[in-house]
C-alpha atoms as a PDB file:
ATOM      1  CA  MET A   1      73.561 194.673  -5.880  1.00  0.00           C
ATOM      2  CA  LYS A   2      71.012 191.902  -4.737  1.00  0.00           C
ATOM      3  CA  LYS A   3      72.580 188.728  -3.040  1.00  0.00           C
ATOM      4  CA  ILE A   4      70.765 185.424  -3.688  1.00  0.00           C
ATOM      5  CA  LEU A   5      71.604 182.215  -2.018  1.00  0.00           C
ATOM      6  CA  VAL A   6      70.229 178.794  -3.460  1.00  0.00           C
ATOM      7  CA  LEU A   7      70.071 176.129  -0.810  1.00  0.00           C
ATOM      8  CA  CYS A   8      69.738 172.179  -1.254  1.00  0.00           C
ATOM      9  CA  THR A   9      70.608 169.087   0.471  1.00  0.00           C
ATOM     10  CA  GLY A  10      74.087 168.360  -1.216  1.00  0.00           C
ATOM     11  CA  ASN A  11      74.708 171.194  -3.427  1.00  0.00           C
ATOM     12  CA  SER A  12      75.367 169.113  -6.250  1.00  0.00           C
ATOM     13  CA  CYS A  13      72.437 169.129  -8.874  1.00  0.00           C
ATOM     14  CA  ARG A  14      69.405 171.402  -8.190  1.00  0.00           C
ATOM     15  CA  SER A  15      71.014 174.145  -6.428  1.00  0.00           C
ATOM     16  CA  GLN A  16      73.983 174.214  -8.882  1.00  0.00           C
ATOM     17  CA  ILE A  17      71.499 174.376 -11.987  1.00  0.00           C
ATOM     18  CA  ALA A  18      69.632 177.198 -10.130  1.00  0.00           C
ATOM     19  CA  GLU A  19      72.742 179.051  -9.523  1.00  0.00           C
ATOM     20  CA  GLY A  20      74.107 178.716 -13.174  1.00  0.00           C
ATOM     21  CA  TYR A  21      70.589 180.028 -14.518  1.00  0.00           C
ATOM     22  CA  LEU A  22      69.991 182.779 -11.854  1.00  0.00           C
ATOM     23  CA  ARG A  23      73.695 184.073 -12.700  1.00  0.00           C
ATOM     24  CA  TYR A  24      72.856 183.898 -16.534  1.00  0.00           C
ATOM     25  CA  PHE A  25      69.393 185.783 -16.340  1.00  0.00           C
ATOM     26  CA  ALA A  26      70.448 188.265 -13.490  1.00  0.00           C
ATOM     27  CA  GLY A  27      73.812 189.089 -15.237  1.00  0.00           C
ATOM     28  CA  ALA A  28      75.586 192.020 -13.284  1.00  0.00           C
ATOM     29  CA  LYS A  29      72.471 192.985 -11.207  1.00  0.00           C
ATOM     30  CA  ALA A  30      73.097 189.997  -8.516  1.00  0.00           C
ATOM     31  CA  GLU A  31      75.465 188.140  -6.892  1.00  0.00           C
ATOM     32  CA  VAL A  32      74.366 184.303  -6.953  1.00  0.00           C
ATOM     33  CA  TYR A  33      75.701 181.728  -4.505  1.00  0.00           C
ATOM     34  CA  SER A  34      74.615 178.085  -3.772  1.00  0.00           C
ATOM     35  CA  ALA A  35      75.279 175.724  -1.058  1.00  0.00           C
ATOM     36  CA  GLY A  36      73.964 172.718   0.794  1.00  0.00           C
ATOM     37  CA  ILE A  37      73.269 171.511   4.205  1.00  0.00           C
ATOM     38  CA  GLU A  38      75.832 168.828   3.120  1.00  0.00           C
ATOM     39  CA  THR A  39      78.545 168.867   0.227  1.00  0.00           C
ATOM     40  CA  HIS A  40      78.397 166.074  -2.295  1.00  0.00           C
ATOM     41  CA  GLY A  41      80.390 167.632  -4.902  1.00  0.00           C
ATOM     42  CA  VAL A  42      79.024 169.004  -8.290  1.00  0.00           C
ATOM     43  CA  ASN A  43      77.364 166.077 -10.157  1.00  0.00           C
ATOM     44  CA  PRO A  44      78.949 165.528 -13.434  1.00  0.00           C
ATOM     45  CA  LYS A  45      75.475 164.842 -15.183  1.00  0.00           C
ATOM     46  CA  ALA A  46      74.464 168.378 -13.921  1.00  0.00           C
ATOM     47  CA  ILE A  47      77.463 169.899 -15.640  1.00  0.00           C
ATOM     48  CA  ALA A  48      76.757 167.938 -18.750  1.00  0.00           C
ATOM     49  CA  ILE A  49      73.114 168.786 -19.027  1.00  0.00           C
ATOM     50  CA  MET A  50      73.727 172.616 -18.390  1.00  0.00           C
ATOM     51  CA  LYS A  51      76.430 172.579 -21.014  1.00  0.00           C
ATOM     52  CA  GLU A  52      73.691 171.125 -23.489  1.00  0.00           C
ATOM     53  CA  ASP A  53      72.012 174.634 -22.855  1.00  0.00           C
ATOM     54  CA  GLY A  54      75.219 176.747 -23.216  1.00  0.00           C
ATOM     55  CA  ILE A  55      75.755 177.320 -19.475  1.00  0.00           C
ATOM     56  CA  ASP A  56      79.026 176.276 -18.089  1.00  0.00           C
ATOM     57  CA  ILE A  57      79.017 175.335 -14.316  1.00  0.00           C
ATOM     58  CA  ALA A  58      82.159 173.021 -14.480  1.00  0.00           C
ATOM     59  CA  GLY A  59      84.013 175.585 -12.330  1.00  0.00           C
ATOM     60  CA  HIS A  60      81.270 175.647  -9.636  1.00  0.00           C
ATOM     61  CA  THR A  61      82.180 174.122  -6.201  1.00  0.00           C
ATOM     62  CA  SER A  62      80.033 172.265  -3.657  1.00  0.00           C
ATOM     63  CA  ASN A  63      79.723 174.615  -0.643  1.00  0.00           C
ATOM     64  CA  HIS A  64      78.412 174.099   2.771  1.00  0.00           C
ATOM     65  CA  VAL A  65      75.615 176.508   4.053  1.00  0.00           C
ATOM     66  CA  ASN A  66      77.878 177.530   6.883  1.00  0.00           C
ATOM     67  CA  GLU A  67      80.358 179.056   4.768  1.00  0.00           C
ATOM     68  CA  TYR A  68      77.700 181.862   4.201  1.00  0.00           C
ATOM     69  CA  LEU A  69      76.404 182.664   7.549  1.00  0.00           C
ATOM     70  CA  GLY A  70      78.082 186.082   7.596  1.00  0.00           C
ATOM     71  CA  VAL A  71      76.672 187.166   4.301  1.00  0.00           C
ATOM     72  CA  ASP A  72      73.507 189.490   4.335  1.00  0.00           C
ATOM     73  CA  PHE A  73      71.507 187.724   1.517  1.00  0.00           C
ATOM     74  CA  ASP A  74      68.407 189.456  -0.044  1.00  0.00           C
ATOM     75  CA  PHE A  75      66.860 186.121  -1.053  1.00  0.00           C
ATOM     76  CA  VAL A  76      67.516 182.527  -0.015  1.00  0.00           C
ATOM     77  CA  ILE A  77      65.800 180.184  -2.265  1.00  0.00           C
ATOM     78  CA  THR A  78      65.407 176.496  -1.227  1.00  0.00           C
ATOM     79  CA  VAL A  79      65.020 174.003  -3.928  1.00  0.00           C
ATOM     80  CA  CYS A  80      64.224 170.783  -2.092  1.00  0.00           C
ATOM     81  CA  ASP A  81      62.069 170.238   0.906  1.00  0.00           C
ATOM     82  CA  ASN A  82      65.048 168.807   3.116  1.00  0.00           C
ATOM     83  CA  ALA A  83      67.032 172.010   2.794  1.00  0.00           C
ATOM     84  CA  LYS A  84      63.893 173.882   3.620  1.00  0.00           C
ATOM     85  CA  GLU A  85      63.285 171.944   6.756  1.00  0.00           C
ATOM     86  CA  SER A  86      66.939 171.913   7.630  1.00  0.00           C
ATOM     87  CA  CYS A  87      67.910 175.447   6.705  1.00  0.00           C
ATOM     88  CA  PRO A  88      69.732 177.216   9.473  1.00  0.00           C
ATOM     89  CA  TYR A  89      68.539 180.489  10.759  1.00  0.00           C
ATOM     90  CA  PHE A  90      70.030 183.328   8.717  1.00  0.00           C
ATOM     91  CA  PRO A  91      70.445 186.631  10.826  1.00  0.00           C
ATOM     92  CA  THR A  92      69.328 188.545   7.593  1.00  0.00           C
ATOM     93  CA  LYS A  93      66.607 190.454   6.228  1.00  0.00           C
ATOM     94  CA  ALA A  94      66.559 187.651   3.397  1.00  0.00           C
ATOM     95  CA  ILE A  95      63.088 186.940   1.652  1.00  0.00           C
ATOM     96  CA  LYS A  96      62.839 183.193   1.879  1.00  0.00           C
ATOM     97  CA  LEU A  97      61.370 181.254  -1.073  1.00  0.00           C
ATOM     98  CA  HIS A  98      60.886 177.602  -1.791  1.00  0.00           C
ATOM     99  CA  TYR A  99      60.144 175.218  -4.677  1.00  0.00           C
ATOM    100  CA  ASN A 100      60.563 171.467  -4.302  1.00  0.00           C
ATOM    101  CA  PHE A 101      62.197 170.240  -7.626  1.00  0.00           C
ATOM    102  CA  PRO A 102      62.466 166.529  -8.206  1.00  0.00           C
ATOM    103  CA  ASP A 103      65.946 165.259  -7.411  1.00  0.00           C
ATOM    104  CA  PRO A 104      67.552 164.279 -10.853  1.00  0.00           C
ATOM    105  CA  ALA A 105      70.277 162.472  -8.974  1.00  0.00           C
ATOM    106  CA  LYS A 106      67.720 159.903  -7.781  1.00  0.00           C
ATOM    107  CA  ALA A 107      66.843 159.273 -11.386  1.00  0.00           C
ATOM    108  CA  SER A 108      66.745 155.690 -12.413  1.00  0.00           C
ATOM    109  CA  GLY A 109      66.423 153.697 -15.728  1.00  0.00           C
ATOM    110  CA  THR A 110      68.696 153.595 -18.974  1.00  0.00           C
ATOM    111  CA  GLU A 111      71.206 156.294 -19.558  1.00  0.00           C
ATOM    112  CA  ASP A 112      68.934 158.084 -21.746  1.00  0.00           C
ATOM    113  CA  GLU A 113      65.983 157.950 -19.348  1.00  0.00           C
ATOM    114  CA  VAL A 114      68.315 159.463 -16.519  1.00  0.00           C
ATOM    115  CA  ARG A 115      69.573 162.145 -18.822  1.00  0.00           C
ATOM    116  CA  GLN A 116      65.858 162.988 -20.019  1.00  0.00           C
ATOM    117  CA  GLN A 117      65.104 163.240 -16.335  1.00  0.00           C
ATOM    118  CA  PHE A 118      67.899 165.746 -15.811  1.00  0.00           C
ATOM    119  CA  ARG A 119      66.722 167.726 -18.754  1.00  0.00           C
ATOM    120  CA  THR A 120      63.352 167.877 -17.222  1.00  0.00           C
ATOM    121  CA  VAL A 121      64.497 169.168 -14.092  1.00  0.00           C
ATOM    122  CA  ARG A 122      67.029 171.459 -15.623  1.00  0.00           C
ATOM    123  CA  ASP A 123      64.075 172.920 -17.694  1.00  0.00           C
ATOM    124  CA  MET A 124      61.859 173.312 -14.750  1.00  0.00           C
ATOM    125  CA  ILE A 125      64.440 175.342 -12.825  1.00  0.00           C
ATOM    126  CA  LYS A 126      65.371 177.436 -15.894  1.00  0.00           C
ATOM    127  CA  LYS A 127      61.719 178.611 -16.043  1.00  0.00           C
ATOM    128  CA  TYR A 128      61.543 179.360 -12.206  1.00  0.00           C
ATOM    129  CA  SER A 129      64.895 181.204 -12.458  1.00  0.00           C
ATOM    130  CA  GLU A 130      63.961 183.171 -15.415  1.00  0.00           C
ATOM    131  CA  GLU A 131      60.681 184.100 -13.664  1.00  0.00           C
ATOM    132  CA  PHE A 132      62.328 184.849 -10.234  1.00  0.00           C
ATOM    133  CA  ILE A 133      64.925 187.305 -11.906  1.00  0.00           C
ATOM    134  CA  ARG A 134      62.148 188.922 -14.075  1.00  0.00           C
ATOM    135  CA  GLU A 135      60.017 189.530 -10.967  1.00  0.00           C
ATOM    136  CA  ASN A 136      62.613 190.162  -8.270  1.00  0.00           C
ATOM    137  CA  ILE A 137      65.791 191.704  -9.793  1.00  0.00           C
END
């Protein structure tokens, strides 16, 4: 079984959304984890926006990347430039992939405009996750 780690700055939005979709699309074919170079807690708006699409990430936790240094991952996916630049060395054969998704936690405007920005990023991550699983798992 393949092991996938998704890294972001705070493990609150993008990496949590990616973990949810990667788990959904991989099913029993992969173990999926997410972590941050910091921990900010799971963003309630990320939980809500995923629930709209039928994915429950309410039980996810915000984990620090150091918790997983002993895991031999097959893939490490960074979903923001800050995590890519700050990613620790993993003594593993992991294939490292990167895609810089916009940070929905930095969205501004009315509540509806912020929610729409979360949806836009969610949909980008969903597409990326589905293609990643189809091509790699």
